[in-house]
C-alpha cells in the first residue's frame, strides 16, 4: 500500500482521527473508507476492537500505524483513524440548510456540523474562502457528524443561490432588522436557510438586502457571540418552530 502523506487539501483522501469519528465513518460512509489505522497500544480497547471487527466485515484493510497516527493527529494518544476518500453530495432541495460564509476556524465548523446533525439539519454549505471541511481537525471536532451530512463548498454565495433559488434566507447579523424571537413568531417556510458569517468580520453589509436579516438579542454586555454558539441558538430556534 502507498505511504500516507500529512493531510493537504489537494489530496483525494482525508483522515478521521479518533475512535468515535472513525466509527462514524465506517457506519455511515463505509464505501468511502480505504484503511483503518490502529495504534499498537489499542489492543484490548473496546472501541478499537469494535472498529477492527467492523472494518473486517466491510472488507477494509486494517494496519498498525503508530507513526502515521501521531503524524495525522499531532498527538501521541490517538488510537485510531480511518483513511477515507473525499465525497461531494448535492444539498437536498426543500430541506433546511445552513450556510457558513467564509468560516476560518476548524473547531467552529466541526462544532456547527455536529450541532446541525443533532437538531436534524442535514445540509450545510460553505462559501470560499473557508476552512477545508475534510481537514482532520474539522472531522474530529464534528465527532464524525460529517459522515451523516450533505456538505458542499461553493466559490461564491451567488453559486449557492443559483443552485437553490427561491429559498427563505435568514442572514444572522448584528444589525439585523428583526430579532430572532420576532422572526420566529411569524410563519417560517420549510425550506429555510440560515446564513452565518466569518468569526471576526461577520457577514458583509450586502447581506442586509438578502432575505430577512436576523439578530440574536442579548443584554448588550458583550459585542457578539462565538460563531458556533450563535449558530446553535439559530438552529435550535428554527428547528423547534415546528
C-alpha atoms as a PDB file:
ATOM      1  CA  UNK A   1       0.000   0.000   0.000  1.00  0.00           C
ATOM      2  CA  UNK A   2       1.295   3.529  -0.717  1.00  0.00           C
ATOM      3  CA  UNK A   3       2.559   5.564   2.222  1.00  0.00           C
ATOM      4  CA  UNK A   4       0.253   8.162   3.726  1.00  0.00           C
ATOM      5  CA  UNK A   5       1.053  11.860   3.412  1.00  0.00           C
ATOM      6  CA  UNK A   6       0.336  14.501   6.027  1.00  0.00           C
ATOM      7  CA  UNK A   7      -3.068  15.961   5.216  1.00  0.00           C
ATOM      8  CA  UNK A   8      -3.237  18.517   2.401  1.00  0.00           C
ATOM      9  CA  UNK A   9      -6.365  19.911   0.825  1.00  0.00           C
ATOM     10  CA  UNK A  10      -5.336  18.764  -2.664  1.00  0.00           C
ATOM     11  CA  UNK A  11      -5.299  15.080  -1.682  1.00  0.00           C
ATOM     12  CA  UNK A  12      -8.248  12.948  -2.760  1.00  0.00           C
ATOM     13  CA  UNK A  13      -8.380  11.380   0.684  1.00  0.00           C
ATOM     14  CA  UNK A  14      -8.564  12.602   4.280  1.00  0.00           C
ATOM     15  CA  UNK A  15      -8.404  11.256   7.830  1.00  0.00           C
ATOM     16  CA  UNK A  16     -10.969  10.709  10.565  1.00  0.00           C
ATOM     17  CA  UNK A  17      -8.785  10.728  13.709  1.00  0.00           C
ATOM     18  CA  UNK A  18     -10.116   9.201  16.917  1.00  0.00           C
ATOM     19  CA  UNK A  19     -12.131   6.121  17.733  1.00  0.00           C
ATOM     20  CA  UNK A  20     -15.573   7.743  17.605  1.00  0.00           C
ATOM     21  CA  UNK A  21     -15.075   9.674  14.314  1.00  0.00           C
ATOM     22  CA  UNK A  22     -13.602   6.511  12.813  1.00  0.00           C
ATOM     23  CA  UNK A  23     -16.649   4.534  13.907  1.00  0.00           C
ATOM     24  CA  UNK A  24     -18.976   7.119  12.372  1.00  0.00           C
ATOM     25  CA  UNK A  25     -17.134   6.865   9.067  1.00  0.00           C
ATOM     26  CA  UNK A  26     -17.324   3.065   8.984  1.00  0.00           C
ATOM     27  CA  UNK A  27     -21.002   3.060   9.973  1.00  0.00           C
ATOM     28  CA  UNK A  28     -22.266   5.810   7.660  1.00  0.00           C
ATOM     29  CA  UNK A  29     -19.744   6.051   4.790  1.00  0.00           C
ATOM     30  CA  UNK A  30     -18.203   2.558   4.535  1.00  0.00           C
ATOM     31  CA  UNK A  31     -17.871   2.875   0.750  1.00  0.00           C
ATOM     32  CA  UNK A  32     -15.520   5.842   1.279  1.00  0.00           C
ATOM     33  CA  UNK A  33     -13.274   4.119   3.841  1.00  0.00           C
ATOM     34  CA  UNK A  34      -9.918   2.955   2.492  1.00  0.00           C
ATOM     35  CA  UNK A  35      -7.931   1.884   5.550  1.00  0.00           C
ATOM     36  CA  UNK A  36      -8.298   1.635   9.307  1.00  0.00           C
ATOM     37  CA  UNK A  37      -5.172   2.639  11.200  1.00  0.00           C
ATOM     38  CA  UNK A  38      -4.792   1.335  14.751  1.00  0.00           C
ATOM     39  CA  UNK A  39      -2.166   2.074  17.396  1.00  0.00           C
ATOM     40  CA  UNK A  40      -0.191  -0.840  18.833  1.00  0.00           C
ATOM     41  CA  UNK A  41      -1.482   0.127  22.290  1.00  0.00           C
ATOM     42  CA  UNK A  42      -5.094  -0.160  21.109  1.00  0.00           C
ATOM     43  CA  UNK A  43      -5.185  -3.934  21.565  1.00  0.00           C
ATOM     44  CA  UNK A  44      -7.881  -4.812  24.083  1.00  0.00           C
ATOM     45  CA  UNK A  45      -9.510  -1.389  23.865  1.00  0.00           C
ATOM     46  CA  UNK A  46     -13.234  -1.994  23.425  1.00  0.00           C
ATOM     47  CA  UNK A  47     -13.707   0.758  20.856  1.00  0.00           C
ATOM     48  CA  UNK A  48     -10.680  -0.309  18.826  1.00  0.00           C
ATOM     49  CA  UNK A  49     -11.821  -3.923  18.851  1.00  0.00           C
ATOM     50  CA  UNK A  50     -15.243  -2.863  17.516  1.00  0.00           C
ATOM     51  CA  UNK A  51     -13.561  -0.825  14.805  1.00  0.00           C
ATOM     52  CA  UNK A  52     -11.438  -3.776  13.754  1.00  0.00           C
ATOM     53  CA  UNK A  53     -14.455  -6.080  13.594  1.00  0.00           C
ATOM     54  CA  UNK A  54     -16.479  -3.574  11.595  1.00  0.00           C
ATOM     55  CA  UNK A  55     -13.622  -2.896   9.171  1.00  0.00           C
ATOM     56  CA  UNK A  56     -13.091  -6.610   8.604  1.00  0.00           C
ATOM     57  CA  UNK A  57     -16.809  -7.117   7.911  1.00  0.00           C
ATOM     58  CA  UNK A  58     -16.669  -4.284   5.369  1.00  0.00           C
ATOM     59  CA  UNK A  59     -13.505  -5.636   3.737  1.00  0.00           C
ATOM     60  CA  UNK A  60     -11.426  -2.618   4.781  1.00  0.00           C
ATOM     61  CA  UNK A  61      -7.688  -3.044   5.310  1.00  0.00           C
ATOM     62  CA  UNK A  62      -6.532  -2.762   8.960  1.00  0.00           C
ATOM     63  CA  UNK A  63      -2.987  -1.603   9.710  1.00  0.00           C
ATOM     64  CA  UNK A  64      -0.904  -0.985  12.829  1.00  0.00           C
ATOM     65  CA  UNK A  65       0.454   2.504  12.256  1.00  0.00           C
ATOM     66  CA  UNK A  66       1.721   4.302  15.365  1.00  0.00           C
ATOM     67  CA  UNK A  67       3.855   6.862  13.498  1.00  0.00           C
ATOM     68  CA  UNK A  68       1.187   7.652  10.935  1.00  0.00           C
ATOM     69  CA  UNK A  69      -1.386   8.227  13.682  1.00  0.00           C
ATOM     70  CA  UNK A  70       0.917  10.610  15.529  1.00  0.00           C
ATOM     71  CA  UNK A  71       1.610  12.489  12.299  1.00  0.00           C
ATOM     72  CA  UNK A  72      -2.071  12.685  11.346  1.00  0.00           C
ATOM     73  CA  UNK A  73      -3.399  13.748  14.738  1.00  0.00           C
ATOM     74  CA  UNK A  74      -0.430  15.624  16.160  1.00  0.00           C
ATOM     75  CA  UNK A  75      -0.920  13.619  19.354  1.00  0.00           C
ATOM     76  CA  UNK A  76       0.725  10.569  20.828  1.00  0.00           C
ATOM     77  CA  UNK A  77      -2.511   9.160  22.267  1.00  0.00           C
ATOM     78  CA  UNK A  78      -4.552   8.830  19.065  1.00  0.00           C
ATOM     79  CA  UNK A  79      -5.506   5.159  18.944  1.00  0.00           C
ATOM     80  CA  UNK A  80      -7.335   5.027  15.619  1.00  0.00           C
ATOM     81  CA  UNK A  81      -8.036   6.808  12.340  1.00  0.00           C
ATOM     82  CA  UNK A  82      -9.847   5.923   9.150  1.00  0.00           C
ATOM     83  CA  UNK A  83      -8.410   6.961   5.818  1.00  0.00           C
ATOM     84  CA  UNK A  84     -11.385   7.873   3.635  1.00  0.00           C
ATOM     85  CA  UNK A  85     -11.972   9.138   0.131  1.00  0.00           C
ATOM     86  CA  UNK A  86     -13.479  12.606  -0.083  1.00  0.00           C
ATOM     87  CA  UNK A  87     -17.109  12.862  -1.135  1.00  0.00           C
ATOM     88  CA  UNK A  88     -19.308  15.567  -2.629  1.00  0.00           C
ATOM     89  CA  UNK A  89     -23.066  15.428  -2.114  1.00  0.00           C
ATOM     90  CA  UNK A  90     -25.675  17.749  -3.601  1.00  0.00           C
ATOM     91  CA  UNK A  91     -27.719  19.547  -0.962  1.00  0.00           C
ATOM     92  CA  UNK A  92     -31.325  18.368  -0.702  1.00  0.00           C
ATOM     93  CA  UNK A  93     -33.955  20.753  -2.077  1.00  0.00           C
ATOM     94  CA  UNK A  94     -36.917  21.600   0.114  1.00  0.00           C
ATOM     95  CA  UNK A  95     -34.999  20.897   3.339  1.00  0.00           C
ATOM     96  CA  UNK A  96     -33.452  23.308   5.879  1.00  0.00           C
ATOM     97  CA  UNK A  97     -29.933  24.455   5.028  1.00  0.00           C
ATOM     98  CA  UNK A  98     -27.084  26.104   6.914  1.00  0.00           C
ATOM     99  CA  UNK A  99     -24.698  28.376   5.004  1.00  0.00           C
ATOM    100  CA  UNK A 100     -21.324  29.293   6.535  1.00  0.00           C
ATOM    101  CA  UNK A 101     -19.858  32.307   4.744  1.00  0.00           C
ATOM    102  CA  UNK A 102     -16.024  32.434   4.937  1.00  0.00           C
ATOM    103  CA  UNK A 103     -15.624  30.479   8.226  1.00  0.00           C
ATOM    104  CA  UNK A 104     -11.966  30.358   9.271  1.00  0.00           C
ATOM    105  CA  UNK A 105     -11.856  28.143  12.374  1.00  0.00           C
ATOM    106  CA  UNK A 106     -11.853  24.353  12.076  1.00  0.00           C
ATOM    107  CA  UNK A 107     -13.216  23.858  15.580  1.00  0.00           C
ATOM    108  CA  UNK A 108     -16.162  26.159  14.969  1.00  0.00           C
ATOM    109  CA  UNK A 109     -17.093  24.460  11.707  1.00  0.00           C
ATOM    110  CA  UNK A 110     -16.840  20.985  13.229  1.00  0.00           C
ATOM    111  CA  UNK A 111     -18.978  22.026  16.200  1.00  0.00           C
ATOM    112  CA  UNK A 112     -21.618  23.539  13.895  1.00  0.00           C
ATOM    113  CA  UNK A 113     -21.745  20.337  11.833  1.00  0.00           C
ATOM    114  CA  UNK A 114     -22.350  18.320  14.983  1.00  0.00           C
ATOM    115  CA  UNK A 115     -24.977  20.802  16.227  1.00  0.00           C
ATOM    116  CA  UNK A 116     -26.780  20.784  12.875  1.00  0.00           C
ATOM    117  CA  UNK A 117     -26.988  16.989  12.857  1.00  0.00           C
ATOM    118  CA  UNK A 118     -28.147  16.955  16.472  1.00  0.00           C
ATOM    119  CA  UNK A 119     -31.156  19.101  15.556  1.00  0.00           C
ATOM    120  CA  UNK A 120     -31.916  17.315  12.298  1.00  0.00           C
ATOM    121  CA  UNK A 121     -30.425  19.758   9.786  1.00  0.00           C
ATOM    122  CA  UNK A 122     -28.518  17.581   7.329  1.00  0.00           C
ATOM    123  CA  UNK A 123     -27.479  20.072   4.613  1.00  0.00           C
ATOM    124  CA  UNK A 124     -24.605  22.522   5.078  1.00  0.00           C
ATOM    125  CA  UNK A 125     -22.936  24.838   2.549  1.00  0.00           C
ATOM    126  CA  UNK A 126     -19.588  26.592   2.966  1.00  0.00           C
ATOM    127  CA  UNK A 127     -18.590  29.648   0.927  1.00  0.00           C
ATOM    128  CA  UNK A 128     -14.923  30.139  -0.009  1.00  0.00           C
ATOM    129  CA  UNK A 129     -12.533  31.314   1.232  1.00  0.00           C
ATOM    130  CA  UNK A 130     -13.169  28.963   4.130  1.00  0.00           C
ATOM    131  CA  UNK A 131     -11.718  26.086   6.073  1.00  0.00           C
ATOM    132  CA  UNK A 132     -11.438  22.732   4.345  1.00  0.00           C
ATOM    133  CA  UNK A 133     -14.352  20.633   5.608  1.00  0.00           C
ATOM    134  CA  UNK A 134     -12.195  17.498   5.237  1.00  0.00           C
ATOM    135  CA  UNK A 135      -9.381  18.848   7.396  1.00  0.00           C
ATOM    136  CA  UNK A 136      -8.884  16.244  10.161  1.00  0.00           C
ATOM    137  CA  UNK A 137      -9.407  18.999  12.744  1.00  0.00           C
ATOM    138  CA  UNK A 138     -12.890  19.636  11.346  1.00  0.00           C
ATOM    139  CA  UNK A 139     -13.693  15.932  11.162  1.00  0.00           C
ATOM    140  CA  UNK A 140     -12.601  15.408  14.746  1.00  0.00           C
ATOM    141  CA  UNK A 141     -14.413  18.498  16.062  1.00  0.00           C
ATOM    142  CA  UNK A 142     -17.579  17.243  14.377  1.00  0.00           C
ATOM    143  CA  UNK A 143     -17.109  13.895  16.185  1.00  0.00           C
ATOM    144  CA  UNK A 144     -17.739  12.257  12.822  1.00  0.00           C
ATOM    145  CA  UNK A 145     -21.056  14.035  12.219  1.00  0.00           C
ATOM    146  CA  UNK A 146     -19.670  14.989   8.801  1.00  0.00           C
ATOM    147  CA  UNK A 147     -20.346  11.433   7.620  1.00  0.00           C
ATOM    148  CA  UNK A 148     -24.107  11.790   8.152  1.00  0.00           C
ATOM    149  CA  UNK A 149     -24.414  15.166   6.439  1.00  0.00           C
ATOM    150  CA  UNK A 150     -24.605  16.530   2.919  1.00  0.00           C
ATOM    151  CA  UNK A 151     -21.905  19.214   2.781  1.00  0.00           C
ATOM    152  CA  UNK A 152     -20.929  21.235  -0.288  1.00  0.00           C
ATOM    153  CA  UNK A 153     -18.447  24.070  -0.747  1.00  0.00           C
ATOM    154  CA  UNK A 154     -19.146  26.907  -3.201  1.00  0.00           C
ATOM    155  CA  UNK A 155     -16.860  29.578  -4.621  1.00  0.00           C
ATOM    156  CA  UNK A 156     -19.473  32.323  -4.109  1.00  0.00           C
ATOM    157  CA  UNK A 157     -22.751  32.746  -2.252  1.00  0.00           C
ATOM    158  CA  UNK A 158     -24.356  33.511  -5.618  1.00  0.00           C
ATOM    159  CA  UNK A 159     -23.421  29.998  -6.760  1.00  0.00           C
ATOM    160  CA  UNK A 160     -25.348  28.555  -3.830  1.00  0.00           C
ATOM    161  CA  UNK A 161     -28.325  30.787  -4.667  1.00  0.00           C
ATOM    162  CA  UNK A 162     -28.269  29.737  -8.325  1.00  0.00           C
ATOM    163  CA  UNK A 163     -28.362  26.081  -7.323  1.00  0.00           C
ATOM    164  CA  UNK A 164     -31.070  26.643  -4.691  1.00  0.00           C
ATOM    165  CA  UNK A 165     -33.261  29.563  -5.824  1.00  0.00           C
ATOM    166  CA  UNK A 166     -36.405  30.936  -4.165  1.00  0.00           C
ATOM    167  CA  UNK A 167     -35.468  29.824  -0.659  1.00  0.00           C
ATOM    168  CA  UNK A 168     -36.335  31.659   2.561  1.00  0.00           C
ATOM    169  CA  UNK A 169     -32.995  33.239   3.514  1.00  0.00           C
ATOM    170  CA  UNK A 170     -32.148  34.388   7.041  1.00  0.00           C
ATOM    171  CA  UNK A 171     -28.703  36.033   7.374  1.00  0.00           C
ATOM    172  CA  UNK A 172     -27.666  36.452  11.011  1.00  0.00           C
ATOM    173  CA  UNK A 173     -26.258  39.957  11.517  1.00  0.00           C
ATOM    174  CA  UNK A 174     -25.660  42.278  14.444  1.00  0.00           C
ATOM    175  CA  UNK A 175     -27.703  44.941  12.691  1.00  0.00           C
ATOM    176  CA  UNK A 176     -30.434  42.551  11.601  1.00  0.00           C
ATOM    177  CA  UNK A 177     -33.711  44.383  11.167  1.00  0.00           C
ATOM    178  CA  UNK A 178     -35.704  41.851  13.229  1.00  0.00           C
ATOM    179  CA  UNK A 179     -34.835  39.934  16.373  1.00  0.00           C
ATOM    180  CA  UNK A 180     -34.851  36.138  16.405  1.00  0.00           C
ATOM    181  CA  UNK A 181     -38.000  35.944  18.595  1.00  0.00           C
ATOM    182  CA  UNK A 182     -39.800  38.315  16.211  1.00  0.00           C
ATOM    183  CA  UNK A 183     -38.866  36.237  13.185  1.00  0.00           C
ATOM    184  CA  UNK A 184     -39.921  33.007  14.864  1.00  0.00           C
ATOM    185  CA  UNK A 185     -43.255  34.493  15.879  1.00  0.00           C
ATOM    186  CA  UNK A 186     -44.216  34.581  12.196  1.00  0.00           C
ATOM    187  CA  UNK A 187     -44.681  31.602   9.842  1.00  0.00           C
ATOM    188  CA  UNK A 188     -41.373  30.113   8.630  1.00  0.00           C
ATOM    189  CA  UNK A 189     -41.237  28.151   5.344  1.00  0.00           C
ATOM    190  CA  UNK A 190     -39.947  24.582   5.478  1.00  0.00           C
ATOM    191  CA  UNK A 191     -37.073  25.370   3.092  1.00  0.00           C
ATOM    192  CA  UNK A 192     -35.308  27.931   5.275  1.00  0.00           C
ATOM    193  CA  UNK A 193     -31.619  28.763   5.020  1.00  0.00           C
ATOM    194  CA  UNK A 194     -29.705  30.224   7.968  1.00  0.00           C
ATOM    195  CA  UNK A 195     -26.596  32.186   6.934  1.00  0.00           C
ATOM    196  CA  UNK A 196     -23.706  32.863   9.316  1.00  0.00           C
ATOM    197  CA  UNK A 197     -20.587  34.931   8.653  1.00  0.00           C
ATOM    198  CA  UNK A 198     -16.905  34.818   9.484  1.00  0.00           C
ATOM    199  CA  UNK A 199     -15.850  34.614  13.141  1.00  0.00           C
ATOM    200  CA  UNK A 200     -14.198  38.029  13.117  1.00  0.00           C
ATOM    201  CA  UNK A 201     -15.951  40.109  10.468  1.00  0.00           C
ATOM    202  CA  UNK A 202     -19.416  38.519  10.314  1.00  0.00           C
ATOM    203  CA  UNK A 203     -21.416  38.843   7.107  1.00  0.00           C
ATOM    204  CA  UNK A 204     -20.666  41.651   4.611  1.00  0.00           C
ATOM    205  CA  UNK A 205     -23.070  44.635   4.684  1.00  0.00           C
ATOM    206  CA  UNK A 206     -24.544  43.471   1.366  1.00  0.00           C
ATOM    207  CA  UNK A 207     -26.375  40.712   3.226  1.00  0.00           C
ATOM    208  CA  UNK A 208     -28.720  43.274   4.748  1.00  0.00           C
ATOM    209  CA  UNK A 209     -30.511  43.072   1.403  1.00  0.00           C
ATOM    210  CA  UNK A 210     -30.667  39.267   1.384  1.00  0.00           C
ATOM    211  CA  UNK A 211     -33.883  37.686   2.651  1.00  0.00           C
ATOM    212  CA  UNK A 212     -34.786  38.592   6.238  1.00  0.00           C
ATOM    213  CA  UNK A 213     -31.769  39.642   8.343  1.00  0.00           C
ATOM    214  CA  UNK A 214     -31.919  38.343  11.924  1.00  0.00           C
ATOM    215  CA  UNK A 215     -30.183  39.427  15.106  1.00  0.00           C
ATOM    216  CA  UNK A 216     -29.845  37.439  18.320  1.00  0.00           C
ATOM    217  CA  UNK A 217     -30.860  39.801  21.130  1.00  0.00           C
ATOM    218  CA  UNK A 218     -28.634  39.994  24.193  1.00  0.00           C
ATOM    219  CA  UNK A 219     -28.179  42.301  27.177  1.00  0.00           C
ATOM    220  CA  UNK A 220     -25.530  44.304  25.356  1.00  0.00           C
ATOM    221  CA  UNK A 221     -22.696  43.461  27.751  1.00  0.00           C
ATOM    222  CA  UNK A 222     -20.788  41.603  25.021  1.00  0.00           C
ATOM    223  CA  UNK A 223     -20.297  42.822  21.463  1.00  0.00           C
ATOM    224  CA  UNK A 224     -21.027  39.473  19.789  1.00  0.00           C
ATOM    225  CA  UNK A 225     -21.351  35.732  20.297  1.00  0.00           C
ATOM    226  CA  UNK A 226     -18.960  32.999  19.228  1.00  0.00           C
ATOM    227  CA  UNK A 227     -19.913  31.698  15.767  1.00  0.00           C
ATOM    228  CA  UNK A 228     -20.702  28.166  16.893  1.00  0.00           C
ATOM    229  CA  UNK A 229     -22.847  29.465  19.780  1.00  0.00           C
ATOM    230  CA  UNK A 230     -24.757  31.866  17.525  1.00  0.00           C
ATOM    231  CA  UNK A 231     -25.328  29.067  15.026  1.00  0.00           C
ATOM    232  CA  UNK A 232     -26.540  26.735  17.768  1.00  0.00           C
ATOM    233  CA  UNK A 233     -29.041  29.319  19.020  1.00  0.00           C
ATOM    234  CA  UNK A 234     -30.329  29.952  15.499  1.00  0.00           C
ATOM    235  CA  UNK A 235     -30.538  26.268  14.556  1.00  0.00           C
ATOM    236  CA  UNK A 236     -32.318  25.402  17.787  1.00  0.00           C
ATOM    237  CA  UNK A 237     -34.835  28.214  17.369  1.00  0.00           C
ATOM    238  CA  UNK A 238     -35.732  27.384  13.806  1.00  0.00           C
ATOM    239  CA  UNK A 239     -35.905  23.618  14.292  1.00  0.00           C
ATOM    240  CA  UNK A 240     -38.178  24.000  17.315  1.00  0.00           C
ATOM    241  CA  UNK A 241     -40.510  26.219  15.349  1.00  0.00           C
ATOM    242  CA  UNK A 242     -42.343  23.114  14.102  1.00  0.00           C
END
